[in-house]
């Protein structure tokens, strides 16, 4: 995919910022994984394969540590597409995966299924041990803010005229991800483990 419209600009910017690894965590599917993986490899950036799963008021991010973990992500993604994903599925396919569970969706039963597990938090959430900062959906170039407006409008079930455009124009612009020393150690561990 020499001119992938989403992956290539992200990779170009990642190289400019000196990133050595990038993760993909599409919501409830893994459709973009192969293109992402190949383009990362072609650009000397370590690809980290993950998925964001949502079901039964649960939300979790899972990252593959190796090929077996990747195969487990595929199995979970398939179960999700068939609306058959549940806690028993997570238990059956939990090997070689790293879990990051958003604090606001904390579920102790799911959390305890994983050996490598972290609680993620947004800036306005209570901090706990094994924490890592989660960034909301964001954009890299200032002119892309309208796409985020449209995505938020769709998410809220609104149409043009019902949603105030440009209200958060600069709120989600991210040129850098700023981690504390402790958070950076966790990020480094995940990058090294995957």
N, C-alpha and C. Protein backbone atom coordinates (compact mmCIF):
# COMPACT_ATOMS: atom_id res chain seq x y z
N UNK A 1 0.86 -1.18 0.00
CA UNK A 1 0.00 0.00 0.00
C UNK A 1 0.90 1.23 0.00
N UNK A 2 1.49 1.59 -1.14
CA UNK A 2 2.47 2.67 -1.16
C UNK A 2 1.91 4.03 -0.78
N UNK A 3 0.64 4.30 -1.02
CA UNK A 3 0.08 5.61 -0.70
C UNK A 3 -1.16 5.49 0.17
N UNK A 4 -1.07 4.72 1.24
CA UNK A 4 -2.21 4.57 2.14
C UNK A 4 -2.56 5.93 2.74
N UNK A 5 -3.81 6.39 2.59
CA UNK A 5 -4.18 7.76 2.99
C UNK A 5 -4.13 8.04 4.48
N UNK A 6 -4.18 7.02 5.32
CA UNK A 6 -4.14 7.25 6.77
C UNK A 6 -2.80 6.84 7.35
N UNK A 7 -2.35 5.64 7.00
CA UNK A 7 -1.14 5.10 7.61
C UNK A 7 0.11 5.88 7.21
N UNK A 8 0.27 6.20 5.93
CA UNK A 8 1.50 6.85 5.48
C UNK A 8 1.75 8.21 6.12
N UNK A 9 0.75 9.09 6.24
CA UNK A 9 1.02 10.37 6.93
C UNK A 9 1.39 10.19 8.39
N UNK A 10 0.80 9.22 9.05
CA UNK A 10 1.13 8.96 10.46
C UNK A 10 2.56 8.45 10.56
N UNK A 11 2.95 7.54 9.67
CA UNK A 11 4.32 7.03 9.69
C UNK A 11 5.33 8.13 9.39
N UNK A 12 5.01 8.99 8.45
CA UNK A 12 5.91 10.10 8.11
C UNK A 12 6.13 10.99 9.33
N UNK A 13 5.05 11.32 10.00
CA UNK A 13 5.15 12.16 11.19
C UNK A 13 5.88 11.44 12.32
N UNK A 14 5.62 10.15 12.48
CA UNK A 14 6.31 9.37 13.52
C UNK A 14 7.81 9.38 13.29
N UNK A 15 8.23 9.24 12.05
CA UNK A 15 9.66 9.28 11.74
C UNK A 15 10.24 10.66 12.04
N UNK A 16 9.48 11.73 11.70
CA UNK A 16 9.94 13.09 11.99
C UNK A 16 10.15 13.29 13.49
N UNK A 17 9.28 12.71 14.31
CA UNK A 17 9.39 12.85 15.76
C UNK A 17 10.34 11.84 16.38
N UNK A 18 10.89 10.95 15.57
CA UNK A 18 11.85 9.98 16.07
C UNK A 18 11.24 8.78 16.77
N UNK A 19 9.96 8.51 16.53
CA UNK A 19 9.33 7.35 17.14
C UNK A 19 9.94 6.07 16.57
N UNK A 20 10.12 5.08 17.40
CA UNK A 20 10.66 3.80 16.95
C UNK A 20 9.60 2.70 16.94
N UNK A 21 8.43 2.99 17.50
CA UNK A 21 7.33 2.01 17.55
C UNK A 21 6.00 2.75 17.48
N UNK A 22 5.01 2.10 16.86
CA UNK A 22 3.64 2.62 16.80
C UNK A 22 2.68 1.46 17.04
N UNK A 23 1.54 1.77 17.65
CA UNK A 23 0.52 0.75 17.90
C UNK A 23 -0.74 1.06 17.12
N UNK A 24 -1.44 0.01 16.74
CA UNK A 24 -2.76 0.13 16.12
C UNK A 24 -3.75 -0.56 17.05
N UNK A 25 -4.85 0.13 17.35
CA UNK A 25 -5.89 -0.46 18.21
C UNK A 25 -7.25 -0.04 17.66
N UNK A 26 -7.58 -0.54 16.47
CA UNK A 26 -8.89 -0.23 15.91
C UNK A 26 -9.98 -0.79 16.81
N UNK A 27 -11.13 -0.14 16.78
CA UNK A 27 -12.23 -0.54 17.65
C UNK A 27 -12.97 -1.74 17.08
N UNK A 28 -12.90 -2.85 17.81
CA UNK A 28 -13.67 -4.07 17.54
C UNK A 28 -13.34 -4.77 16.22
N UNK A 29 -12.25 -4.41 15.57
CA UNK A 29 -11.86 -5.10 14.34
C UNK A 29 -10.36 -4.96 14.14
N UNK A 30 -9.86 -5.71 13.18
CA UNK A 30 -8.43 -5.67 12.87
C UNK A 30 -8.20 -5.49 11.38
N UNK A 31 -9.12 -4.78 10.72
CA UNK A 31 -9.06 -4.63 9.27
C UNK A 31 -7.79 -3.94 8.78
N UNK A 32 -7.26 -2.99 9.53
CA UNK A 32 -6.11 -2.23 9.07
C UNK A 32 -4.76 -2.79 9.48
N UNK A 33 -4.76 -3.93 10.15
CA UNK A 33 -3.52 -4.45 10.74
C UNK A 33 -2.46 -4.80 9.71
N UNK A 34 -2.79 -5.51 8.65
CA UNK A 34 -1.77 -5.95 7.70
C UNK A 34 -1.09 -4.77 7.01
N UNK A 35 -1.88 -3.80 6.55
CA UNK A 35 -1.28 -2.61 5.92
C UNK A 35 -0.39 -1.88 6.91
N UNK A 36 -0.89 -1.72 8.14
CA UNK A 36 -0.14 -1.04 9.19
C UNK A 36 1.18 -1.78 9.45
N UNK A 37 1.11 -3.08 9.63
CA UNK A 37 2.29 -3.89 9.92
C UNK A 37 3.32 -3.75 8.80
N UNK A 38 2.88 -3.95 7.56
CA UNK A 38 3.80 -3.89 6.42
C UNK A 38 4.44 -2.51 6.27
N UNK A 39 3.64 -1.47 6.40
CA UNK A 39 4.18 -0.12 6.25
C UNK A 39 5.13 0.23 7.38
N UNK A 40 4.84 -0.20 8.60
CA UNK A 40 5.78 0.03 9.71
C UNK A 40 7.10 -0.66 9.43
N UNK A 41 7.03 -1.93 9.03
CA UNK A 41 8.26 -2.69 8.73
C UNK A 41 9.06 -2.00 7.62
N UNK A 42 8.37 -1.54 6.59
CA UNK A 42 9.04 -0.86 5.47
C UNK A 42 9.68 0.45 5.89
N UNK A 43 9.24 1.01 7.01
CA UNK A 43 9.76 2.30 7.48
C UNK A 43 10.60 2.16 8.76
N UNK A 44 11.04 0.94 9.07
CA UNK A 44 11.88 0.69 10.25
C UNK A 44 11.25 1.17 11.55
N UNK A 45 9.95 1.00 11.66
CA UNK A 45 9.22 1.32 12.89
C UNK A 45 8.59 0.02 13.39
N UNK A 46 8.74 -0.23 14.68
CA UNK A 46 8.21 -1.47 15.25
C UNK A 46 6.68 -1.38 15.34
N UNK A 47 5.97 -2.29 14.65
CA UNK A 47 4.50 -2.29 14.75
C UNK A 47 4.04 -3.04 15.99
N UNK A 48 3.13 -2.44 16.73
CA UNK A 48 2.52 -3.10 17.89
C UNK A 48 1.05 -3.30 17.55
N UNK A 49 0.64 -4.55 17.54
CA UNK A 49 -0.70 -4.90 17.09
C UNK A 49 -1.63 -5.03 18.29
N UNK A 50 -2.74 -4.32 18.23
CA UNK A 50 -3.72 -4.38 19.31
C UNK A 50 -5.13 -4.21 18.79
N UNK A 51 -6.05 -4.22 19.72
CA UNK A 51 -7.47 -4.00 19.40
C UNK A 51 -8.14 -3.38 20.62
N UNK A 52 -9.11 -2.53 20.36
CA UNK A 52 -9.94 -1.98 21.44
C UNK A 52 -11.28 -2.72 21.36
N UNK A 53 -11.59 -3.48 22.40
CA UNK A 53 -12.83 -4.25 22.42
C UNK A 53 -13.85 -3.58 23.34
N UNK A 54 -15.08 -3.50 22.86
CA UNK A 54 -16.19 -3.00 23.67
C UNK A 54 -17.31 -4.03 23.62
N UNK A 55 -17.84 -4.36 24.80
CA UNK A 55 -18.98 -5.27 24.89
C UNK A 55 -19.54 -5.21 26.29
N UNK A 56 -20.84 -5.35 26.42
CA UNK A 56 -21.53 -5.39 27.72
C UNK A 56 -21.02 -4.33 28.70
N UNK A 57 -20.95 -3.08 28.29
CA UNK A 57 -20.46 -1.97 29.11
C UNK A 57 -19.01 -2.15 29.56
N UNK A 58 -18.23 -2.92 28.83
CA UNK A 58 -16.81 -3.09 29.08
C UNK A 58 -16.03 -2.49 27.91
N UNK A 59 -14.85 -2.00 28.23
CA UNK A 59 -13.96 -1.48 27.20
C UNK A 59 -12.54 -1.85 27.62
N UNK A 60 -11.78 -2.46 26.70
CA UNK A 60 -10.42 -2.82 27.01
C UNK A 60 -9.55 -2.76 25.78
N UNK A 61 -8.28 -2.48 26.00
CA UNK A 61 -7.28 -2.47 24.94
C UNK A 61 -6.38 -3.67 25.16
N UNK A 62 -6.21 -4.47 24.11
CA UNK A 62 -5.35 -5.64 24.19
C UNK A 62 -4.27 -5.54 23.13
N UNK A 63 -3.03 -5.89 23.53
CA UNK A 63 -1.89 -5.84 22.63
C UNK A 63 -1.23 -7.21 22.58
N UNK A 64 -0.85 -7.64 21.37
CA UNK A 64 -0.21 -8.94 21.19
C UNK A 64 1.27 -8.85 21.54
N UNK A 65 1.74 -9.78 22.37
CA UNK A 65 3.15 -9.85 22.72
C UNK A 65 3.95 -10.59 21.65
N UNK A 66 3.28 -11.46 20.91
CA UNK A 66 3.96 -12.29 19.92
C UNK A 66 2.91 -12.86 18.96
N UNK A 67 3.33 -13.84 18.15
CA UNK A 67 2.41 -14.40 17.15
C UNK A 67 1.21 -15.09 17.81
N UNK A 68 1.44 -15.80 18.90
CA UNK A 68 0.33 -16.46 19.59
C UNK A 68 -0.67 -15.41 20.11
N UNK A 69 -0.16 -14.32 20.65
CA UNK A 69 -1.04 -13.23 21.09
C UNK A 69 -1.81 -12.64 19.92
N UNK A 70 -1.14 -12.48 18.79
CA UNK A 70 -1.80 -11.97 17.58
C UNK A 70 -2.95 -12.89 17.16
N UNK A 71 -2.71 -14.18 17.19
CA UNK A 71 -3.76 -15.14 16.83
C UNK A 71 -4.94 -15.05 17.80
N UNK A 72 -4.64 -14.81 19.09
CA UNK A 72 -5.72 -14.63 20.06
C UNK A 72 -6.51 -13.36 19.79
N UNK A 73 -5.84 -12.30 19.36
CA UNK A 73 -6.56 -11.08 18.98
C UNK A 73 -7.50 -11.34 17.81
N UNK A 74 -7.04 -12.10 16.85
CA UNK A 74 -7.88 -12.44 15.68
C UNK A 74 -9.11 -13.22 16.13
N UNK A 75 -8.91 -14.18 17.03
CA UNK A 75 -10.04 -14.98 17.52
C UNK A 75 -11.05 -14.09 18.25
N UNK A 76 -10.55 -13.20 19.10
CA UNK A 76 -11.45 -12.30 19.83
C UNK A 76 -12.18 -11.35 18.88
N UNK A 77 -11.48 -10.85 17.88
CA UNK A 77 -12.09 -9.96 16.89
C UNK A 77 -13.21 -10.68 16.13
N UNK A 78 -12.94 -11.93 15.78
CA UNK A 78 -13.96 -12.74 15.08
C UNK A 78 -15.17 -12.96 15.96
N UNK A 79 -14.94 -13.31 17.22
CA UNK A 79 -16.07 -13.50 18.15
C UNK A 79 -16.87 -12.21 18.31
N UNK A 80 -16.18 -11.08 18.37
CA UNK A 80 -16.86 -9.79 18.49
C UNK A 80 -17.72 -9.53 17.26
N UNK A 81 -17.21 -9.84 16.07
CA UNK A 81 -17.98 -9.61 14.84
C UNK A 81 -19.23 -10.48 14.78
N UNK A 82 -19.20 -11.62 15.46
CA UNK A 82 -20.36 -12.52 15.51
C UNK A 82 -21.23 -12.25 16.73
N UNK A 83 -20.89 -11.20 17.50
CA UNK A 83 -21.59 -10.83 18.73
C UNK A 83 -21.60 -11.98 19.74
N UNK A 84 -20.48 -12.73 19.79
CA UNK A 84 -20.35 -13.85 20.72
C UNK A 84 -19.26 -13.61 21.75
N UNK A 85 -18.75 -12.38 21.84
CA UNK A 85 -17.67 -12.07 22.77
C UNK A 85 -18.22 -11.95 24.19
N UNK A 86 -17.56 -12.63 25.13
CA UNK A 86 -17.94 -12.54 26.53
C UNK A 86 -16.71 -12.80 27.41
N UNK A 87 -16.90 -12.78 28.70
CA UNK A 87 -15.77 -12.96 29.62
C UNK A 87 -15.13 -14.34 29.45
N UNK A 88 -15.92 -15.36 29.17
CA UNK A 88 -15.36 -16.69 28.95
C UNK A 88 -14.43 -16.70 27.73
N UNK A 89 -14.80 -15.95 26.68
CA UNK A 89 -13.94 -15.84 25.49
C UNK A 89 -12.62 -15.19 25.86
N UNK A 90 -12.70 -14.11 26.66
CA UNK A 90 -11.48 -13.43 27.08
C UNK A 90 -10.57 -14.37 27.86
N UNK A 91 -11.18 -15.19 28.70
CA UNK A 91 -10.41 -16.14 29.52
C UNK A 91 -9.75 -17.19 28.63
N UNK A 92 -10.48 -17.67 27.63
CA UNK A 92 -9.95 -18.71 26.75
C UNK A 92 -8.80 -18.20 25.88
N UNK A 93 -8.86 -16.93 25.47
CA UNK A 93 -7.86 -16.38 24.55
C UNK A 93 -7.06 -15.24 25.19
N UNK A 94 -6.60 -15.42 26.42
CA UNK A 94 -5.88 -14.35 27.11
C UNK A 94 -4.36 -14.50 27.09
N UNK A 95 -3.86 -15.61 26.56
CA UNK A 95 -2.41 -15.84 26.55
C UNK A 95 -1.68 -14.84 25.65
N UNK A 96 -0.51 -14.42 26.11
CA UNK A 96 0.40 -13.58 25.34
C UNK A 96 -0.21 -12.25 24.92
N UNK A 97 -1.09 -11.73 25.77
CA UNK A 97 -1.70 -10.42 25.54
C UNK A 97 -1.39 -9.49 26.71
N UNK A 98 -1.30 -8.21 26.42
CA UNK A 98 -1.16 -7.18 27.43
C UNK A 98 -2.47 -6.41 27.46
N UNK A 99 -3.02 -6.23 28.65
CA UNK A 99 -4.29 -5.52 28.83
C UNK A 99 -4.04 -4.12 29.36
N UNK A 100 -4.71 -3.14 28.74
CA UNK A 100 -4.84 -1.81 29.33
C UNK A 100 -6.34 -1.57 29.44
N UNK A 101 -6.82 -1.44 30.67
CA UNK A 101 -8.24 -1.24 30.93
C UNK A 101 -8.47 0.20 31.38
N UNK A 102 -9.28 0.95 30.63
CA UNK A 102 -9.59 2.32 31.09
C UNK A 102 -10.21 2.29 32.48
N UNK A 103 -9.76 3.18 33.34
CA UNK A 103 -10.24 3.25 34.71
C UNK A 103 -11.76 3.35 34.77
N UNK A 104 -12.35 4.16 33.89
CA UNK A 104 -13.80 4.36 33.94
C UNK A 104 -14.58 3.12 33.53
N UNK A 105 -13.89 2.10 32.99
CA UNK A 105 -14.54 0.84 32.61
C UNK A 105 -13.98 -0.32 33.43
N UNK A 106 -13.39 -0.01 34.58
CA UNK A 106 -12.72 -1.05 35.35
C UNK A 106 -13.67 -2.19 35.71
N UNK A 107 -13.23 -3.42 35.41
CA UNK A 107 -13.98 -4.63 35.72
C UNK A 107 -12.96 -5.61 36.31
N UNK A 108 -13.04 -5.84 37.60
CA UNK A 108 -12.04 -6.65 38.30
C UNK A 108 -11.96 -8.06 37.74
N UNK A 109 -13.10 -8.64 37.39
CA UNK A 109 -13.09 -10.00 36.86
C UNK A 109 -12.27 -10.09 35.57
N UNK A 110 -12.47 -9.15 34.67
CA UNK A 110 -11.71 -9.13 33.42
C UNK A 110 -10.24 -8.79 33.71
N UNK A 111 -10.02 -7.79 34.54
CA UNK A 111 -8.66 -7.35 34.85
C UNK A 111 -7.81 -8.50 35.37
N UNK A 112 -8.39 -9.34 36.20
CA UNK A 112 -7.63 -10.44 36.80
C UNK A 112 -7.39 -11.62 35.86
N UNK A 113 -7.95 -11.58 34.66
CA UNK A 113 -7.69 -12.64 33.68
C UNK A 113 -6.30 -12.54 33.07
N UNK A 114 -5.68 -11.38 33.18
CA UNK A 114 -4.44 -11.12 32.45
C UNK A 114 -3.23 -11.04 33.38
N UNK A 115 -2.14 -11.60 32.90
CA UNK A 115 -0.88 -11.53 33.67
C UNK A 115 -0.26 -10.14 33.56
N UNK A 116 -0.19 -9.60 32.36
CA UNK A 116 0.34 -8.26 32.12
C UNK A 116 -0.83 -7.32 31.94
N UNK A 117 -1.06 -6.46 32.95
CA UNK A 117 -2.26 -5.64 32.95
C UNK A 117 -1.97 -4.27 33.53
N UNK A 118 -2.65 -3.29 32.99
CA UNK A 118 -2.50 -1.91 33.43
C UNK A 118 -3.86 -1.23 33.43
N UNK A 119 -3.98 -0.23 34.28
CA UNK A 119 -5.18 0.59 34.28
C UNK A 119 -4.83 1.89 33.58
N UNK A 120 -5.60 2.22 32.56
CA UNK A 120 -5.40 3.47 31.84
C UNK A 120 -6.33 4.52 32.40
N UNK A 121 -5.90 5.77 32.33
CA UNK A 121 -6.75 6.84 32.82
C UNK A 121 -6.63 8.05 31.91
N UNK A 122 -7.71 8.78 31.84
CA UNK A 122 -7.71 10.06 31.16
C UNK A 122 -7.38 11.10 32.22
N UNK A 123 -7.00 12.29 31.82
CA UNK A 123 -6.54 13.32 32.76
C UNK A 123 -7.51 13.57 33.90
N UNK A 124 -8.80 13.44 33.66
CA UNK A 124 -9.78 13.78 34.68
C UNK A 124 -10.18 12.59 35.56
N UNK A 125 -9.50 11.46 35.42
CA UNK A 125 -9.87 10.28 36.21
C UNK A 125 -8.90 10.07 37.37
N UNK A 126 -9.40 9.38 38.36
CA UNK A 126 -8.59 9.04 39.53
C UNK A 126 -7.41 8.17 39.12
N UNK A 127 -6.24 8.45 39.69
CA UNK A 127 -5.05 7.66 39.39
C UNK A 127 -4.97 6.45 40.32
N UNK A 128 -4.51 5.34 39.77
CA UNK A 128 -4.30 4.11 40.54
C UNK A 128 -2.94 3.53 40.17
N UNK A 129 -2.56 2.45 40.84
CA UNK A 129 -1.30 1.81 40.51
C UNK A 129 -1.40 1.16 39.13
N UNK A 130 -0.23 0.82 38.57
CA UNK A 130 -0.16 0.28 37.21
C UNK A 130 -0.97 1.13 36.23
N UNK A 131 -0.68 2.42 36.21
CA UNK A 131 -1.47 3.33 35.39
C UNK A 131 -0.69 3.74 34.14
N UNK A 132 -1.42 4.08 33.11
CA UNK A 132 -0.85 4.64 31.90
C UNK A 132 -1.85 5.63 31.34
N UNK A 133 -1.36 6.75 30.89
CA UNK A 133 -2.23 7.81 30.40
C UNK A 133 -2.82 7.41 29.05
N UNK A 134 -4.13 7.59 28.90
CA UNK A 134 -4.82 7.34 27.64
C UNK A 134 -5.14 8.69 26.99
N UNK A 135 -4.87 8.79 25.73
CA UNK A 135 -5.20 10.00 25.01
C UNK A 135 -6.49 9.76 24.23
N UNK A 136 -7.33 10.76 24.23
CA UNK A 136 -8.56 10.64 23.47
C UNK A 136 -8.23 10.67 21.98
N UNK A 137 -9.20 10.33 21.14
CA UNK A 137 -8.99 10.43 19.71
C UNK A 137 -8.51 11.83 19.39
N UNK A 138 -7.49 11.91 18.58
CA UNK A 138 -6.92 13.22 18.29
C UNK A 138 -6.51 13.27 16.82
N UNK A 139 -6.02 14.42 16.40
CA UNK A 139 -5.55 14.58 15.05
C UNK A 139 -4.16 15.21 15.08
N UNK A 140 -3.42 15.01 14.00
CA UNK A 140 -2.03 15.43 13.97
C UNK A 140 -1.83 16.77 13.28
N UNK A 141 -2.68 17.10 12.33
CA UNK A 141 -2.54 18.33 11.58
C UNK A 141 -3.74 19.23 11.86
N UNK A 142 -3.48 20.50 12.05
CA UNK A 142 -4.53 21.44 12.44
C UNK A 142 -5.74 21.41 11.50
N UNK A 143 -5.50 21.23 10.20
CA UNK A 143 -6.60 21.26 9.24
C UNK A 143 -7.50 20.02 9.30
N UNK A 144 -7.14 19.02 10.09
CA UNK A 144 -7.93 17.80 10.17
C UNK A 144 -9.03 17.85 11.24
N UNK A 145 -9.16 18.95 11.95
CA UNK A 145 -10.13 19.01 13.04
C UNK A 145 -11.56 18.77 12.57
N UNK A 146 -11.89 19.13 11.34
CA UNK A 146 -13.27 18.94 10.87
C UNK A 146 -13.65 17.46 10.82
N UNK A 147 -12.68 16.58 10.49
CA UNK A 147 -12.97 15.14 10.46
C UNK A 147 -13.36 14.64 11.84
N UNK A 148 -12.69 15.14 12.86
CA UNK A 148 -13.01 14.75 14.23
C UNK A 148 -14.40 15.27 14.61
N UNK A 149 -14.71 16.49 14.19
CA UNK A 149 -16.06 17.02 14.42
C UNK A 149 -17.11 16.10 13.81
N UNK A 150 -16.89 15.66 12.58
CA UNK A 150 -17.86 14.79 11.91
C UNK A 150 -17.97 13.45 12.65
N UNK A 151 -16.86 12.90 13.09
CA UNK A 151 -16.89 11.63 13.83
C UNK A 151 -17.66 11.78 15.13
N UNK A 152 -17.43 12.89 15.85
CA UNK A 152 -18.15 13.11 17.10
C UNK A 152 -19.64 13.34 16.84
N UNK A 153 -19.95 14.01 15.76
CA UNK A 153 -21.35 14.25 15.39
C UNK A 153 -22.05 12.91 15.13
N UNK A 154 -21.41 12.03 14.38
CA UNK A 154 -21.97 10.71 14.08
C UNK A 154 -22.13 9.91 15.37
N UNK A 155 -21.10 9.95 16.23
CA UNK A 155 -21.14 9.21 17.49
C UNK A 155 -22.33 9.63 18.34
N UNK A 156 -22.67 10.93 18.33
CA UNK A 156 -23.78 11.45 19.12
C UNK A 156 -25.11 11.35 18.39
N UNK A 157 -25.11 10.79 17.15
CA UNK A 157 -26.34 10.62 16.40
C UNK A 157 -26.95 11.92 15.91
N UNK A 158 -26.11 12.92 15.65
CA UNK A 158 -26.60 14.22 15.20
C UNK A 158 -26.28 14.42 13.73
N UNK A 159 -26.94 15.40 13.14
CA UNK A 159 -26.70 15.76 11.75
C UNK A 159 -26.23 17.20 11.70
N UNK A 160 -25.75 17.62 10.52
CA UNK A 160 -25.32 19.01 10.37
C UNK A 160 -26.44 19.95 10.81
N UNK A 161 -26.08 20.96 11.54
CA UNK A 161 -27.05 21.89 12.08
C UNK A 161 -27.44 21.58 13.52
N UNK A 162 -27.27 20.32 13.93
CA UNK A 162 -27.57 19.93 15.31
C UNK A 162 -26.31 19.86 16.16
N UNK A 163 -25.14 19.96 15.54
CA UNK A 163 -23.88 19.82 16.26
C UNK A 163 -23.05 21.07 16.01
N UNK A 164 -22.50 21.63 17.07
CA UNK A 164 -21.68 22.83 16.95
C UNK A 164 -20.29 22.45 16.45
N UNK A 165 -19.99 22.83 15.21
CA UNK A 165 -18.68 22.55 14.63
C UNK A 165 -17.64 23.52 15.19
N UNK A 166 -16.41 23.10 15.21
CA UNK A 166 -15.25 23.92 15.62
C UNK A 166 -15.20 24.24 17.11
N UNK A 167 -16.07 23.66 17.93
CA UNK A 167 -16.08 24.05 19.34
C UNK A 167 -14.84 23.55 20.08
N UNK A 168 -14.23 22.48 19.61
CA UNK A 168 -13.03 21.94 20.25
C UNK A 168 -11.86 21.93 19.27
N UNK A 169 -11.77 22.95 18.45
CA UNK A 169 -10.80 22.96 17.35
C UNK A 169 -9.38 22.60 17.78
N UNK A 170 -8.89 23.14 18.87
CA UNK A 170 -7.51 22.88 19.26
C UNK A 170 -7.39 21.88 20.42
N UNK A 171 -8.50 21.49 20.98
CA UNK A 171 -8.47 20.61 22.15
C UNK A 171 -7.81 19.27 21.85
N UNK A 172 -8.02 18.72 20.66
CA UNK A 172 -7.54 17.39 20.33
C UNK A 172 -6.34 17.37 19.40
N UNK A 173 -5.71 18.52 19.17
CA UNK A 173 -4.50 18.58 18.36
C UNK A 173 -3.35 18.04 19.19
N UNK A 174 -2.67 17.00 18.70
CA UNK A 174 -1.58 16.39 19.45
C UNK A 174 -0.35 16.28 18.57
N UNK A 175 0.67 17.00 18.90
CA UNK A 175 1.94 16.85 18.21
C UNK A 175 2.88 15.99 19.03
N UNK A 176 2.67 15.94 20.34
CA UNK A 176 3.52 15.13 21.21
C UNK A 176 2.67 14.44 22.25
N UNK A 177 3.12 13.30 22.72
CA UNK A 177 2.49 12.62 23.83
C UNK A 177 3.43 12.76 25.01
N UNK A 178 2.98 13.42 26.04
CA UNK A 178 3.83 13.70 27.19
C UNK A 178 3.52 12.72 28.32
N UNK A 179 4.47 11.82 28.59
CA UNK A 179 4.31 10.84 29.65
C UNK A 179 5.21 11.20 30.83
N UNK A 180 4.76 10.86 32.02
CA UNK A 180 5.63 10.98 33.19
C UNK A 180 6.69 9.88 33.08
N UNK A 181 7.71 9.92 33.93
CA UNK A 181 8.77 8.91 33.91
C UNK A 181 8.17 7.52 34.14
N UNK A 182 7.26 7.41 35.11
CA UNK A 182 6.63 6.12 35.42
C UNK A 182 5.82 5.61 34.23
N UNK A 183 5.06 6.51 33.59
CA UNK A 183 4.26 6.12 32.43
C UNK A 183 5.16 5.69 31.27
N UNK A 184 6.27 6.42 31.07
CA UNK A 184 7.19 6.09 29.99
C UNK A 184 7.79 4.70 30.20
N UNK A 185 8.06 4.33 31.46
CA UNK A 185 8.58 2.99 31.75
C UNK A 185 7.57 1.93 31.34
N UNK A 186 6.29 2.18 31.59
CA UNK A 186 5.24 1.23 31.19
C UNK A 186 5.15 1.14 29.68
N UNK A 187 5.17 2.29 29.01
CA UNK A 187 5.13 2.32 27.55
C UNK A 187 6.34 1.55 26.99
N UNK A 188 7.51 1.80 27.55
CA UNK A 188 8.72 1.10 27.09
C UNK A 188 8.58 -0.41 27.28
N UNK A 189 8.00 -0.83 28.42
CA UNK A 189 7.80 -2.26 28.67
C UNK A 189 6.89 -2.87 27.61
N UNK A 190 5.80 -2.17 27.30
CA UNK A 190 4.86 -2.69 26.29
C UNK A 190 5.55 -2.78 24.95
N UNK A 191 6.30 -1.75 24.56
CA UNK A 191 6.99 -1.77 23.28
C UNK A 191 7.98 -2.92 23.23
N UNK A 192 8.72 -3.15 24.29
CA UNK A 192 9.69 -4.23 24.32
C UNK A 192 9.02 -5.61 24.34
N UNK A 193 7.85 -5.71 24.95
CA UNK A 193 7.18 -7.01 25.09
C UNK A 193 6.42 -7.44 23.85
N UNK A 194 6.06 -6.52 23.02
CA UNK A 194 5.24 -6.87 21.84
C UNK A 194 6.11 -7.18 20.64
